[in-house]
Amino acid sequence: MAEVKMHDDYLIVIPVNVRESLGLIIGETIDFVVEMGKAALYPKRCGVVSVRRLSGIVKHGGMIDEVLEVGYTAINLNTVIKNEIKEIVTDARNFGKQ
């Protein structure tokens, strides 16, 4: 855990150990999200490097649907959003099969 002080205009400096752990670089876009009363930051990334960074985060040996269900439960998603995400996953799986 790292403690920081909020400066004028609500600016904070992300501590070195957090920047290094997340692999943050200058100019990178970061989403700040409030989850269950706590702030979380998510670097906006895409591509193969991002996928490799995620490798091993979810410890589950099942199918993607089971992994998603575990994630939905963890973040307490409602049924409507779950169904929308499942539809997107299904569409992605079927992409190019027609």
N, C-alpha and C. Protein backbone atom coordinates (compact mmCIF):
# COMPACT_ATOMS: atom_id res chain seq x y z
N MET A 1 0.84 -1.17 0.00
CA MET A 1 0.00 0.00 0.00
C MET A 1 0.89 1.24 0.00
N ALA A 2 0.44 2.27 -0.68
CA ALA A 2 1.20 3.51 -0.74
C ALA A 2 0.27 4.66 -0.37
N GLU A 3 0.79 5.58 0.40
CA GLU A 3 0.01 6.74 0.82
C GLU A 3 0.51 7.96 0.07
N VAL A 4 -0.42 8.77 -0.43
CA VAL A 4 -0.05 9.99 -1.14
C VAL A 4 -0.89 11.15 -0.59
N LYS A 5 -0.42 12.35 -0.84
CA LYS A 5 -1.13 13.55 -0.42
C LYS A 5 -1.74 14.21 -1.65
N MET A 6 -2.98 14.64 -1.53
CA MET A 6 -3.64 15.34 -2.63
C MET A 6 -3.21 16.81 -2.58
N HIS A 7 -2.77 17.33 -3.70
CA HIS A 7 -2.29 18.71 -3.82
C HIS A 7 -3.39 19.61 -4.38
N ASP A 8 -3.02 20.86 -4.60
CA ASP A 8 -3.96 21.81 -5.21
C ASP A 8 -4.54 21.23 -6.48
N ASP A 9 -5.75 21.60 -6.79
CA ASP A 9 -6.46 21.12 -7.98
C ASP A 9 -6.63 19.60 -7.96
N TYR A 10 -6.59 18.98 -6.76
CA TYR A 10 -6.80 17.55 -6.57
C TYR A 10 -5.78 16.67 -7.28
N LEU A 11 -4.58 17.18 -7.46
CA LEU A 11 -3.53 16.41 -8.12
C LEU A 11 -2.87 15.45 -7.13
N ILE A 12 -2.57 14.26 -7.61
CA ILE A 12 -1.81 13.29 -6.82
C ILE A 12 -0.65 12.77 -7.67
N VAL A 13 0.38 12.32 -7.00
CA VAL A 13 1.52 11.70 -7.68
C VAL A 13 1.42 10.21 -7.40
N ILE A 14 1.44 9.41 -8.47
CA ILE A 14 1.38 7.96 -8.31
C ILE A 14 2.76 7.48 -7.88
N PRO A 15 2.85 6.81 -6.72
CA PRO A 15 4.16 6.38 -6.21
C PRO A 15 4.90 5.46 -7.18
N VAL A 16 6.21 5.49 -7.09
CA VAL A 16 7.07 4.72 -7.99
C VAL A 16 6.71 3.23 -7.96
N ASN A 17 6.51 2.66 -6.77
CA ASN A 17 6.24 1.22 -6.71
C ASN A 17 4.91 0.87 -7.39
N VAL A 18 3.93 1.76 -7.33
CA VAL A 18 2.66 1.52 -8.02
C VAL A 18 2.85 1.65 -9.52
N ARG A 19 3.55 2.70 -9.96
CA ARG A 19 3.82 2.89 -11.40
C ARG A 19 4.54 1.69 -11.97
N GLU A 20 5.55 1.21 -11.25
CA GLU A 20 6.32 0.07 -11.75
C GLU A 20 5.48 -1.21 -11.76
N SER A 21 4.67 -1.41 -10.72
CA SER A 21 3.83 -2.61 -10.66
C SER A 21 2.84 -2.67 -11.81
N LEU A 22 2.30 -1.50 -12.17
CA LEU A 22 1.31 -1.43 -13.25
C LEU A 22 1.95 -1.21 -14.61
N GLY A 23 3.24 -0.95 -14.64
CA GLY A 23 3.93 -0.70 -15.90
C GLY A 23 3.48 0.60 -16.56
N LEU A 24 3.17 1.60 -15.74
CA LEU A 24 2.67 2.88 -16.27
C LEU A 24 3.79 3.66 -16.93
N ILE A 25 3.43 4.36 -18.00
CA ILE A 25 4.39 5.21 -18.70
C ILE A 25 3.79 6.61 -18.83
N ILE A 26 4.65 7.60 -18.97
CA ILE A 26 4.20 8.99 -19.12
C ILE A 26 3.33 9.11 -20.36
N GLY A 27 2.22 9.80 -20.21
CA GLY A 27 1.30 10.01 -21.33
C GLY A 27 0.21 8.95 -21.44
N GLU A 28 0.31 7.90 -20.65
CA GLU A 28 -0.68 6.82 -20.70
C GLU A 28 -2.00 7.30 -20.11
N THR A 29 -3.10 6.84 -20.69
CA THR A 29 -4.43 7.16 -20.18
C THR A 29 -4.83 6.12 -19.14
N ILE A 30 -5.38 6.62 -18.03
CA ILE A 30 -5.77 5.74 -16.92
C ILE A 30 -7.21 6.04 -16.54
N ASP A 31 -8.02 4.99 -16.38
CA ASP A 31 -9.38 5.13 -15.89
C ASP A 31 -9.36 5.02 -14.37
N PHE A 32 -9.99 5.98 -13.69
CA PHE A 32 -10.20 5.89 -12.26
C PHE A 32 -11.64 5.46 -12.05
N VAL A 33 -11.85 4.41 -11.27
CA VAL A 33 -13.18 3.84 -11.07
C VAL A 33 -13.40 3.66 -9.56
N VAL A 34 -14.63 3.95 -9.11
CA VAL A 34 -14.97 3.68 -7.72
C VAL A 34 -15.67 2.34 -7.68
N GLU A 35 -15.11 1.41 -6.92
CA GLU A 35 -15.64 0.06 -6.79
C GLU A 35 -15.83 -0.24 -5.31
N MET A 36 -17.06 -0.45 -4.92
CA MET A 36 -17.38 -0.77 -3.52
C MET A 36 -16.75 0.23 -2.56
N GLY A 37 -16.86 1.51 -2.89
CA GLY A 37 -16.37 2.56 -2.01
C GLY A 37 -14.87 2.78 -2.03
N LYS A 38 -14.16 2.13 -2.95
CA LYS A 38 -12.72 2.29 -3.06
C LYS A 38 -12.36 2.71 -4.48
N ALA A 39 -11.32 3.49 -4.60
CA ALA A 39 -10.86 3.92 -5.92
C ALA A 39 -9.90 2.89 -6.50
N ALA A 40 -10.07 2.60 -7.77
CA ALA A 40 -9.17 1.70 -8.48
C ALA A 40 -8.73 2.39 -9.76
N LEU A 41 -7.52 2.14 -10.20
CA LEU A 41 -7.09 2.72 -11.47
C LEU A 41 -6.73 1.63 -12.44
N TYR A 42 -7.16 1.85 -13.68
CA TYR A 42 -6.98 0.87 -14.74
C TYR A 42 -6.32 1.55 -15.94
N PRO A 43 -5.08 1.17 -16.25
CA PRO A 43 -4.45 1.71 -17.45
C PRO A 43 -5.24 1.28 -18.68
N LYS A 44 -5.47 2.21 -19.61
CA LYS A 44 -6.17 1.87 -20.85
C LYS A 44 -5.13 1.36 -21.83
N ARG A 45 -5.25 0.09 -22.15
CA ARG A 45 -4.29 -0.52 -23.07
C ARG A 45 -5.02 -1.43 -24.03
N CYS A 46 -4.34 -1.75 -25.09
CA CYS A 46 -4.87 -2.74 -26.01
C CYS A 46 -3.70 -3.43 -26.68
N GLY A 47 -3.99 -4.56 -27.29
CA GLY A 47 -2.95 -5.25 -28.02
C GLY A 47 -2.38 -6.45 -27.28
N VAL A 48 -1.41 -7.08 -27.91
CA VAL A 48 -0.82 -8.31 -27.41
C VAL A 48 -0.11 -8.08 -26.08
N VAL A 49 0.57 -6.96 -25.93
CA VAL A 49 1.29 -6.69 -24.69
C VAL A 49 0.32 -6.67 -23.51
N SER A 50 -0.86 -6.06 -23.70
CA SER A 50 -1.85 -6.00 -22.63
C SER A 50 -2.35 -7.38 -22.27
N VAL A 51 -2.59 -8.21 -23.25
CA VAL A 51 -3.07 -9.56 -22.99
C VAL A 51 -2.02 -10.34 -22.23
N ARG A 52 -0.76 -10.19 -22.61
CA ARG A 52 0.31 -10.89 -21.89
C ARG A 52 0.40 -10.43 -20.44
N ARG A 53 0.17 -9.14 -20.20
CA ARG A 53 0.21 -8.63 -18.82
C ARG A 53 -0.91 -9.24 -17.99
N LEU A 54 -2.03 -9.55 -18.60
CA LEU A 54 -3.17 -10.12 -17.88
C LEU A 54 -3.01 -11.61 -17.62
N SER A 55 -2.13 -12.24 -18.35
CA SER A 55 -1.96 -13.68 -18.22
C SER A 55 -1.66 -14.07 -16.78
N GLY A 56 -2.47 -15.00 -16.26
CA GLY A 56 -2.27 -15.51 -14.91
C GLY A 56 -3.02 -14.77 -13.83
N ILE A 57 -3.68 -13.65 -14.16
CA ILE A 57 -4.42 -12.90 -13.15
C ILE A 57 -5.63 -13.69 -12.70
N VAL A 58 -6.37 -14.26 -13.65
CA VAL A 58 -7.54 -15.05 -13.31
C VAL A 58 -7.09 -16.50 -13.13
N LYS A 59 -7.23 -16.99 -11.93
CA LYS A 59 -6.85 -18.37 -11.63
C LYS A 59 -8.08 -19.25 -11.75
N HIS A 60 -8.32 -19.78 -12.93
CA HIS A 60 -9.50 -20.61 -13.16
C HIS A 60 -9.21 -21.54 -14.33
N GLY A 61 -9.52 -22.80 -14.16
CA GLY A 61 -9.22 -23.77 -15.19
C GLY A 61 -10.39 -24.08 -16.10
N GLY A 62 -11.50 -23.38 -15.94
CA GLY A 62 -12.72 -23.69 -16.69
C GLY A 62 -12.81 -22.98 -18.02
N MET A 63 -13.98 -23.08 -18.59
CA MET A 63 -14.27 -22.43 -19.87
C MET A 63 -14.45 -20.93 -19.63
N ILE A 64 -14.39 -20.15 -20.72
CA ILE A 64 -14.50 -18.70 -20.61
C ILE A 64 -15.80 -18.27 -19.93
N ASP A 65 -16.90 -18.98 -20.20
CA ASP A 65 -18.17 -18.62 -19.57
C ASP A 65 -18.09 -18.74 -18.05
N GLU A 66 -17.39 -19.76 -17.56
CA GLU A 66 -17.24 -19.93 -16.11
C GLU A 66 -16.36 -18.84 -15.53
N VAL A 67 -15.30 -18.49 -16.24
CA VAL A 67 -14.41 -17.43 -15.78
C VAL A 67 -15.17 -16.11 -15.72
N LEU A 68 -15.96 -15.83 -16.76
CA LEU A 68 -16.75 -14.60 -16.76
C LEU A 68 -17.72 -14.57 -15.60
N GLU A 69 -18.36 -15.69 -15.33
CA GLU A 69 -19.31 -15.75 -14.23
C GLU A 69 -18.64 -15.44 -12.90
N VAL A 70 -17.42 -15.95 -12.70
CA VAL A 70 -16.67 -15.65 -11.48
C VAL A 70 -16.41 -14.15 -11.39
N GLY A 71 -16.03 -13.57 -12.51
CA GLY A 71 -15.78 -12.12 -12.55
C GLY A 71 -17.04 -11.31 -12.29
N TYR A 72 -18.16 -11.72 -12.90
CA TYR A 72 -19.43 -11.02 -12.68
C TYR A 72 -19.78 -11.02 -11.21
N THR A 73 -19.62 -12.16 -10.57
CA THR A 73 -19.96 -12.28 -9.15
C THR A 73 -19.05 -11.38 -8.32
N ALA A 74 -17.78 -11.35 -8.68
CA ALA A 74 -16.82 -10.54 -7.92
C ALA A 74 -17.14 -9.06 -7.98
N ILE A 75 -17.63 -8.58 -9.13
CA ILE A 75 -17.94 -7.16 -9.25
C ILE A 75 -19.42 -6.88 -9.13
N ASN A 76 -20.22 -7.90 -8.83
CA ASN A 76 -21.64 -7.75 -8.55
C ASN A 76 -22.41 -7.12 -9.71
N LEU A 77 -22.19 -7.62 -10.93
CA LEU A 77 -22.91 -7.11 -12.10
C LEU A 77 -24.36 -7.56 -12.08
N ASN A 78 -25.22 -6.67 -12.54
CA ASN A 78 -26.63 -7.08 -12.61
C ASN A 78 -26.89 -7.93 -13.84
N THR A 79 -28.04 -8.60 -13.87
CA THR A 79 -28.37 -9.57 -14.91
C THR A 79 -28.38 -8.96 -16.31
N VAL A 80 -28.90 -7.74 -16.45
CA VAL A 80 -28.97 -7.10 -17.77
C VAL A 80 -27.58 -6.94 -18.36
N ILE A 81 -26.65 -6.44 -17.56
CA ILE A 81 -25.29 -6.24 -18.05
C ILE A 81 -24.62 -7.58 -18.35
N LYS A 82 -24.85 -8.58 -17.49
CA LYS A 82 -24.30 -9.92 -17.73
C LYS A 82 -24.74 -10.44 -19.09
N ASN A 83 -26.03 -10.32 -19.38
CA ASN A 83 -26.56 -10.81 -20.66
C ASN A 83 -25.97 -10.06 -21.84
N GLU A 84 -25.78 -8.75 -21.70
CA GLU A 84 -25.18 -7.97 -22.78
C GLU A 84 -23.75 -8.42 -23.04
N ILE A 85 -22.98 -8.67 -21.98
CA ILE A 85 -21.60 -9.11 -22.14
C ILE A 85 -21.56 -10.50 -22.76
N LYS A 86 -22.44 -11.40 -22.31
CA LYS A 86 -22.48 -12.75 -22.88
C LYS A 86 -22.81 -12.70 -24.36
N GLU A 87 -23.69 -11.78 -24.76
CA GLU A 87 -24.04 -11.62 -26.17
C GLU A 87 -22.83 -11.15 -26.98
N ILE A 88 -22.06 -10.23 -26.41
CA ILE A 88 -20.86 -9.74 -27.09
C ILE A 88 -19.84 -10.86 -27.24
N VAL A 89 -19.65 -11.67 -26.19
CA VAL A 89 -18.71 -12.79 -26.25
C VAL A 89 -19.15 -13.80 -27.30
N THR A 90 -20.45 -14.10 -27.34
CA THR A 90 -20.98 -15.03 -28.34
C THR A 90 -20.75 -14.50 -29.75
N ASP A 91 -21.03 -13.21 -29.96
CA ASP A 91 -20.80 -12.60 -31.27
C ASP A 91 -19.33 -12.69 -31.66
N ALA A 92 -18.44 -12.46 -30.69
CA ALA A 92 -17.00 -12.52 -30.98
C ALA A 92 -16.58 -13.93 -31.36
N ARG A 93 -17.15 -14.92 -30.67
CA ARG A 93 -16.83 -16.31 -30.99
C ARG A 93 -17.29 -16.69 -32.39
N ASN A 94 -18.43 -16.15 -32.79
CA ASN A 94 -19.01 -16.50 -34.09
C ASN A 94 -18.49 -15.65 -35.23
N PHE A 95 -17.71 -14.63 -34.92
CA PHE A 95 -17.18 -13.75 -35.94
C PHE A 95 -16.34 -14.53 -36.94
N GLY A 96 -16.66 -14.43 -38.20
CA GLY A 96 -15.91 -15.10 -39.25
C GLY A 96 -16.29 -16.54 -39.50
N LYS A 97 -17.23 -17.08 -38.73
CA LYS A 97 -17.65 -18.47 -38.94
C LYS A 97 -18.76 -18.59 -39.98
N GLN A 98 -19.31 -17.47 -40.41
CA GLN A 98 -20.45 -17.54 -41.34
C GLN A 98 -20.01 -17.66 -42.78
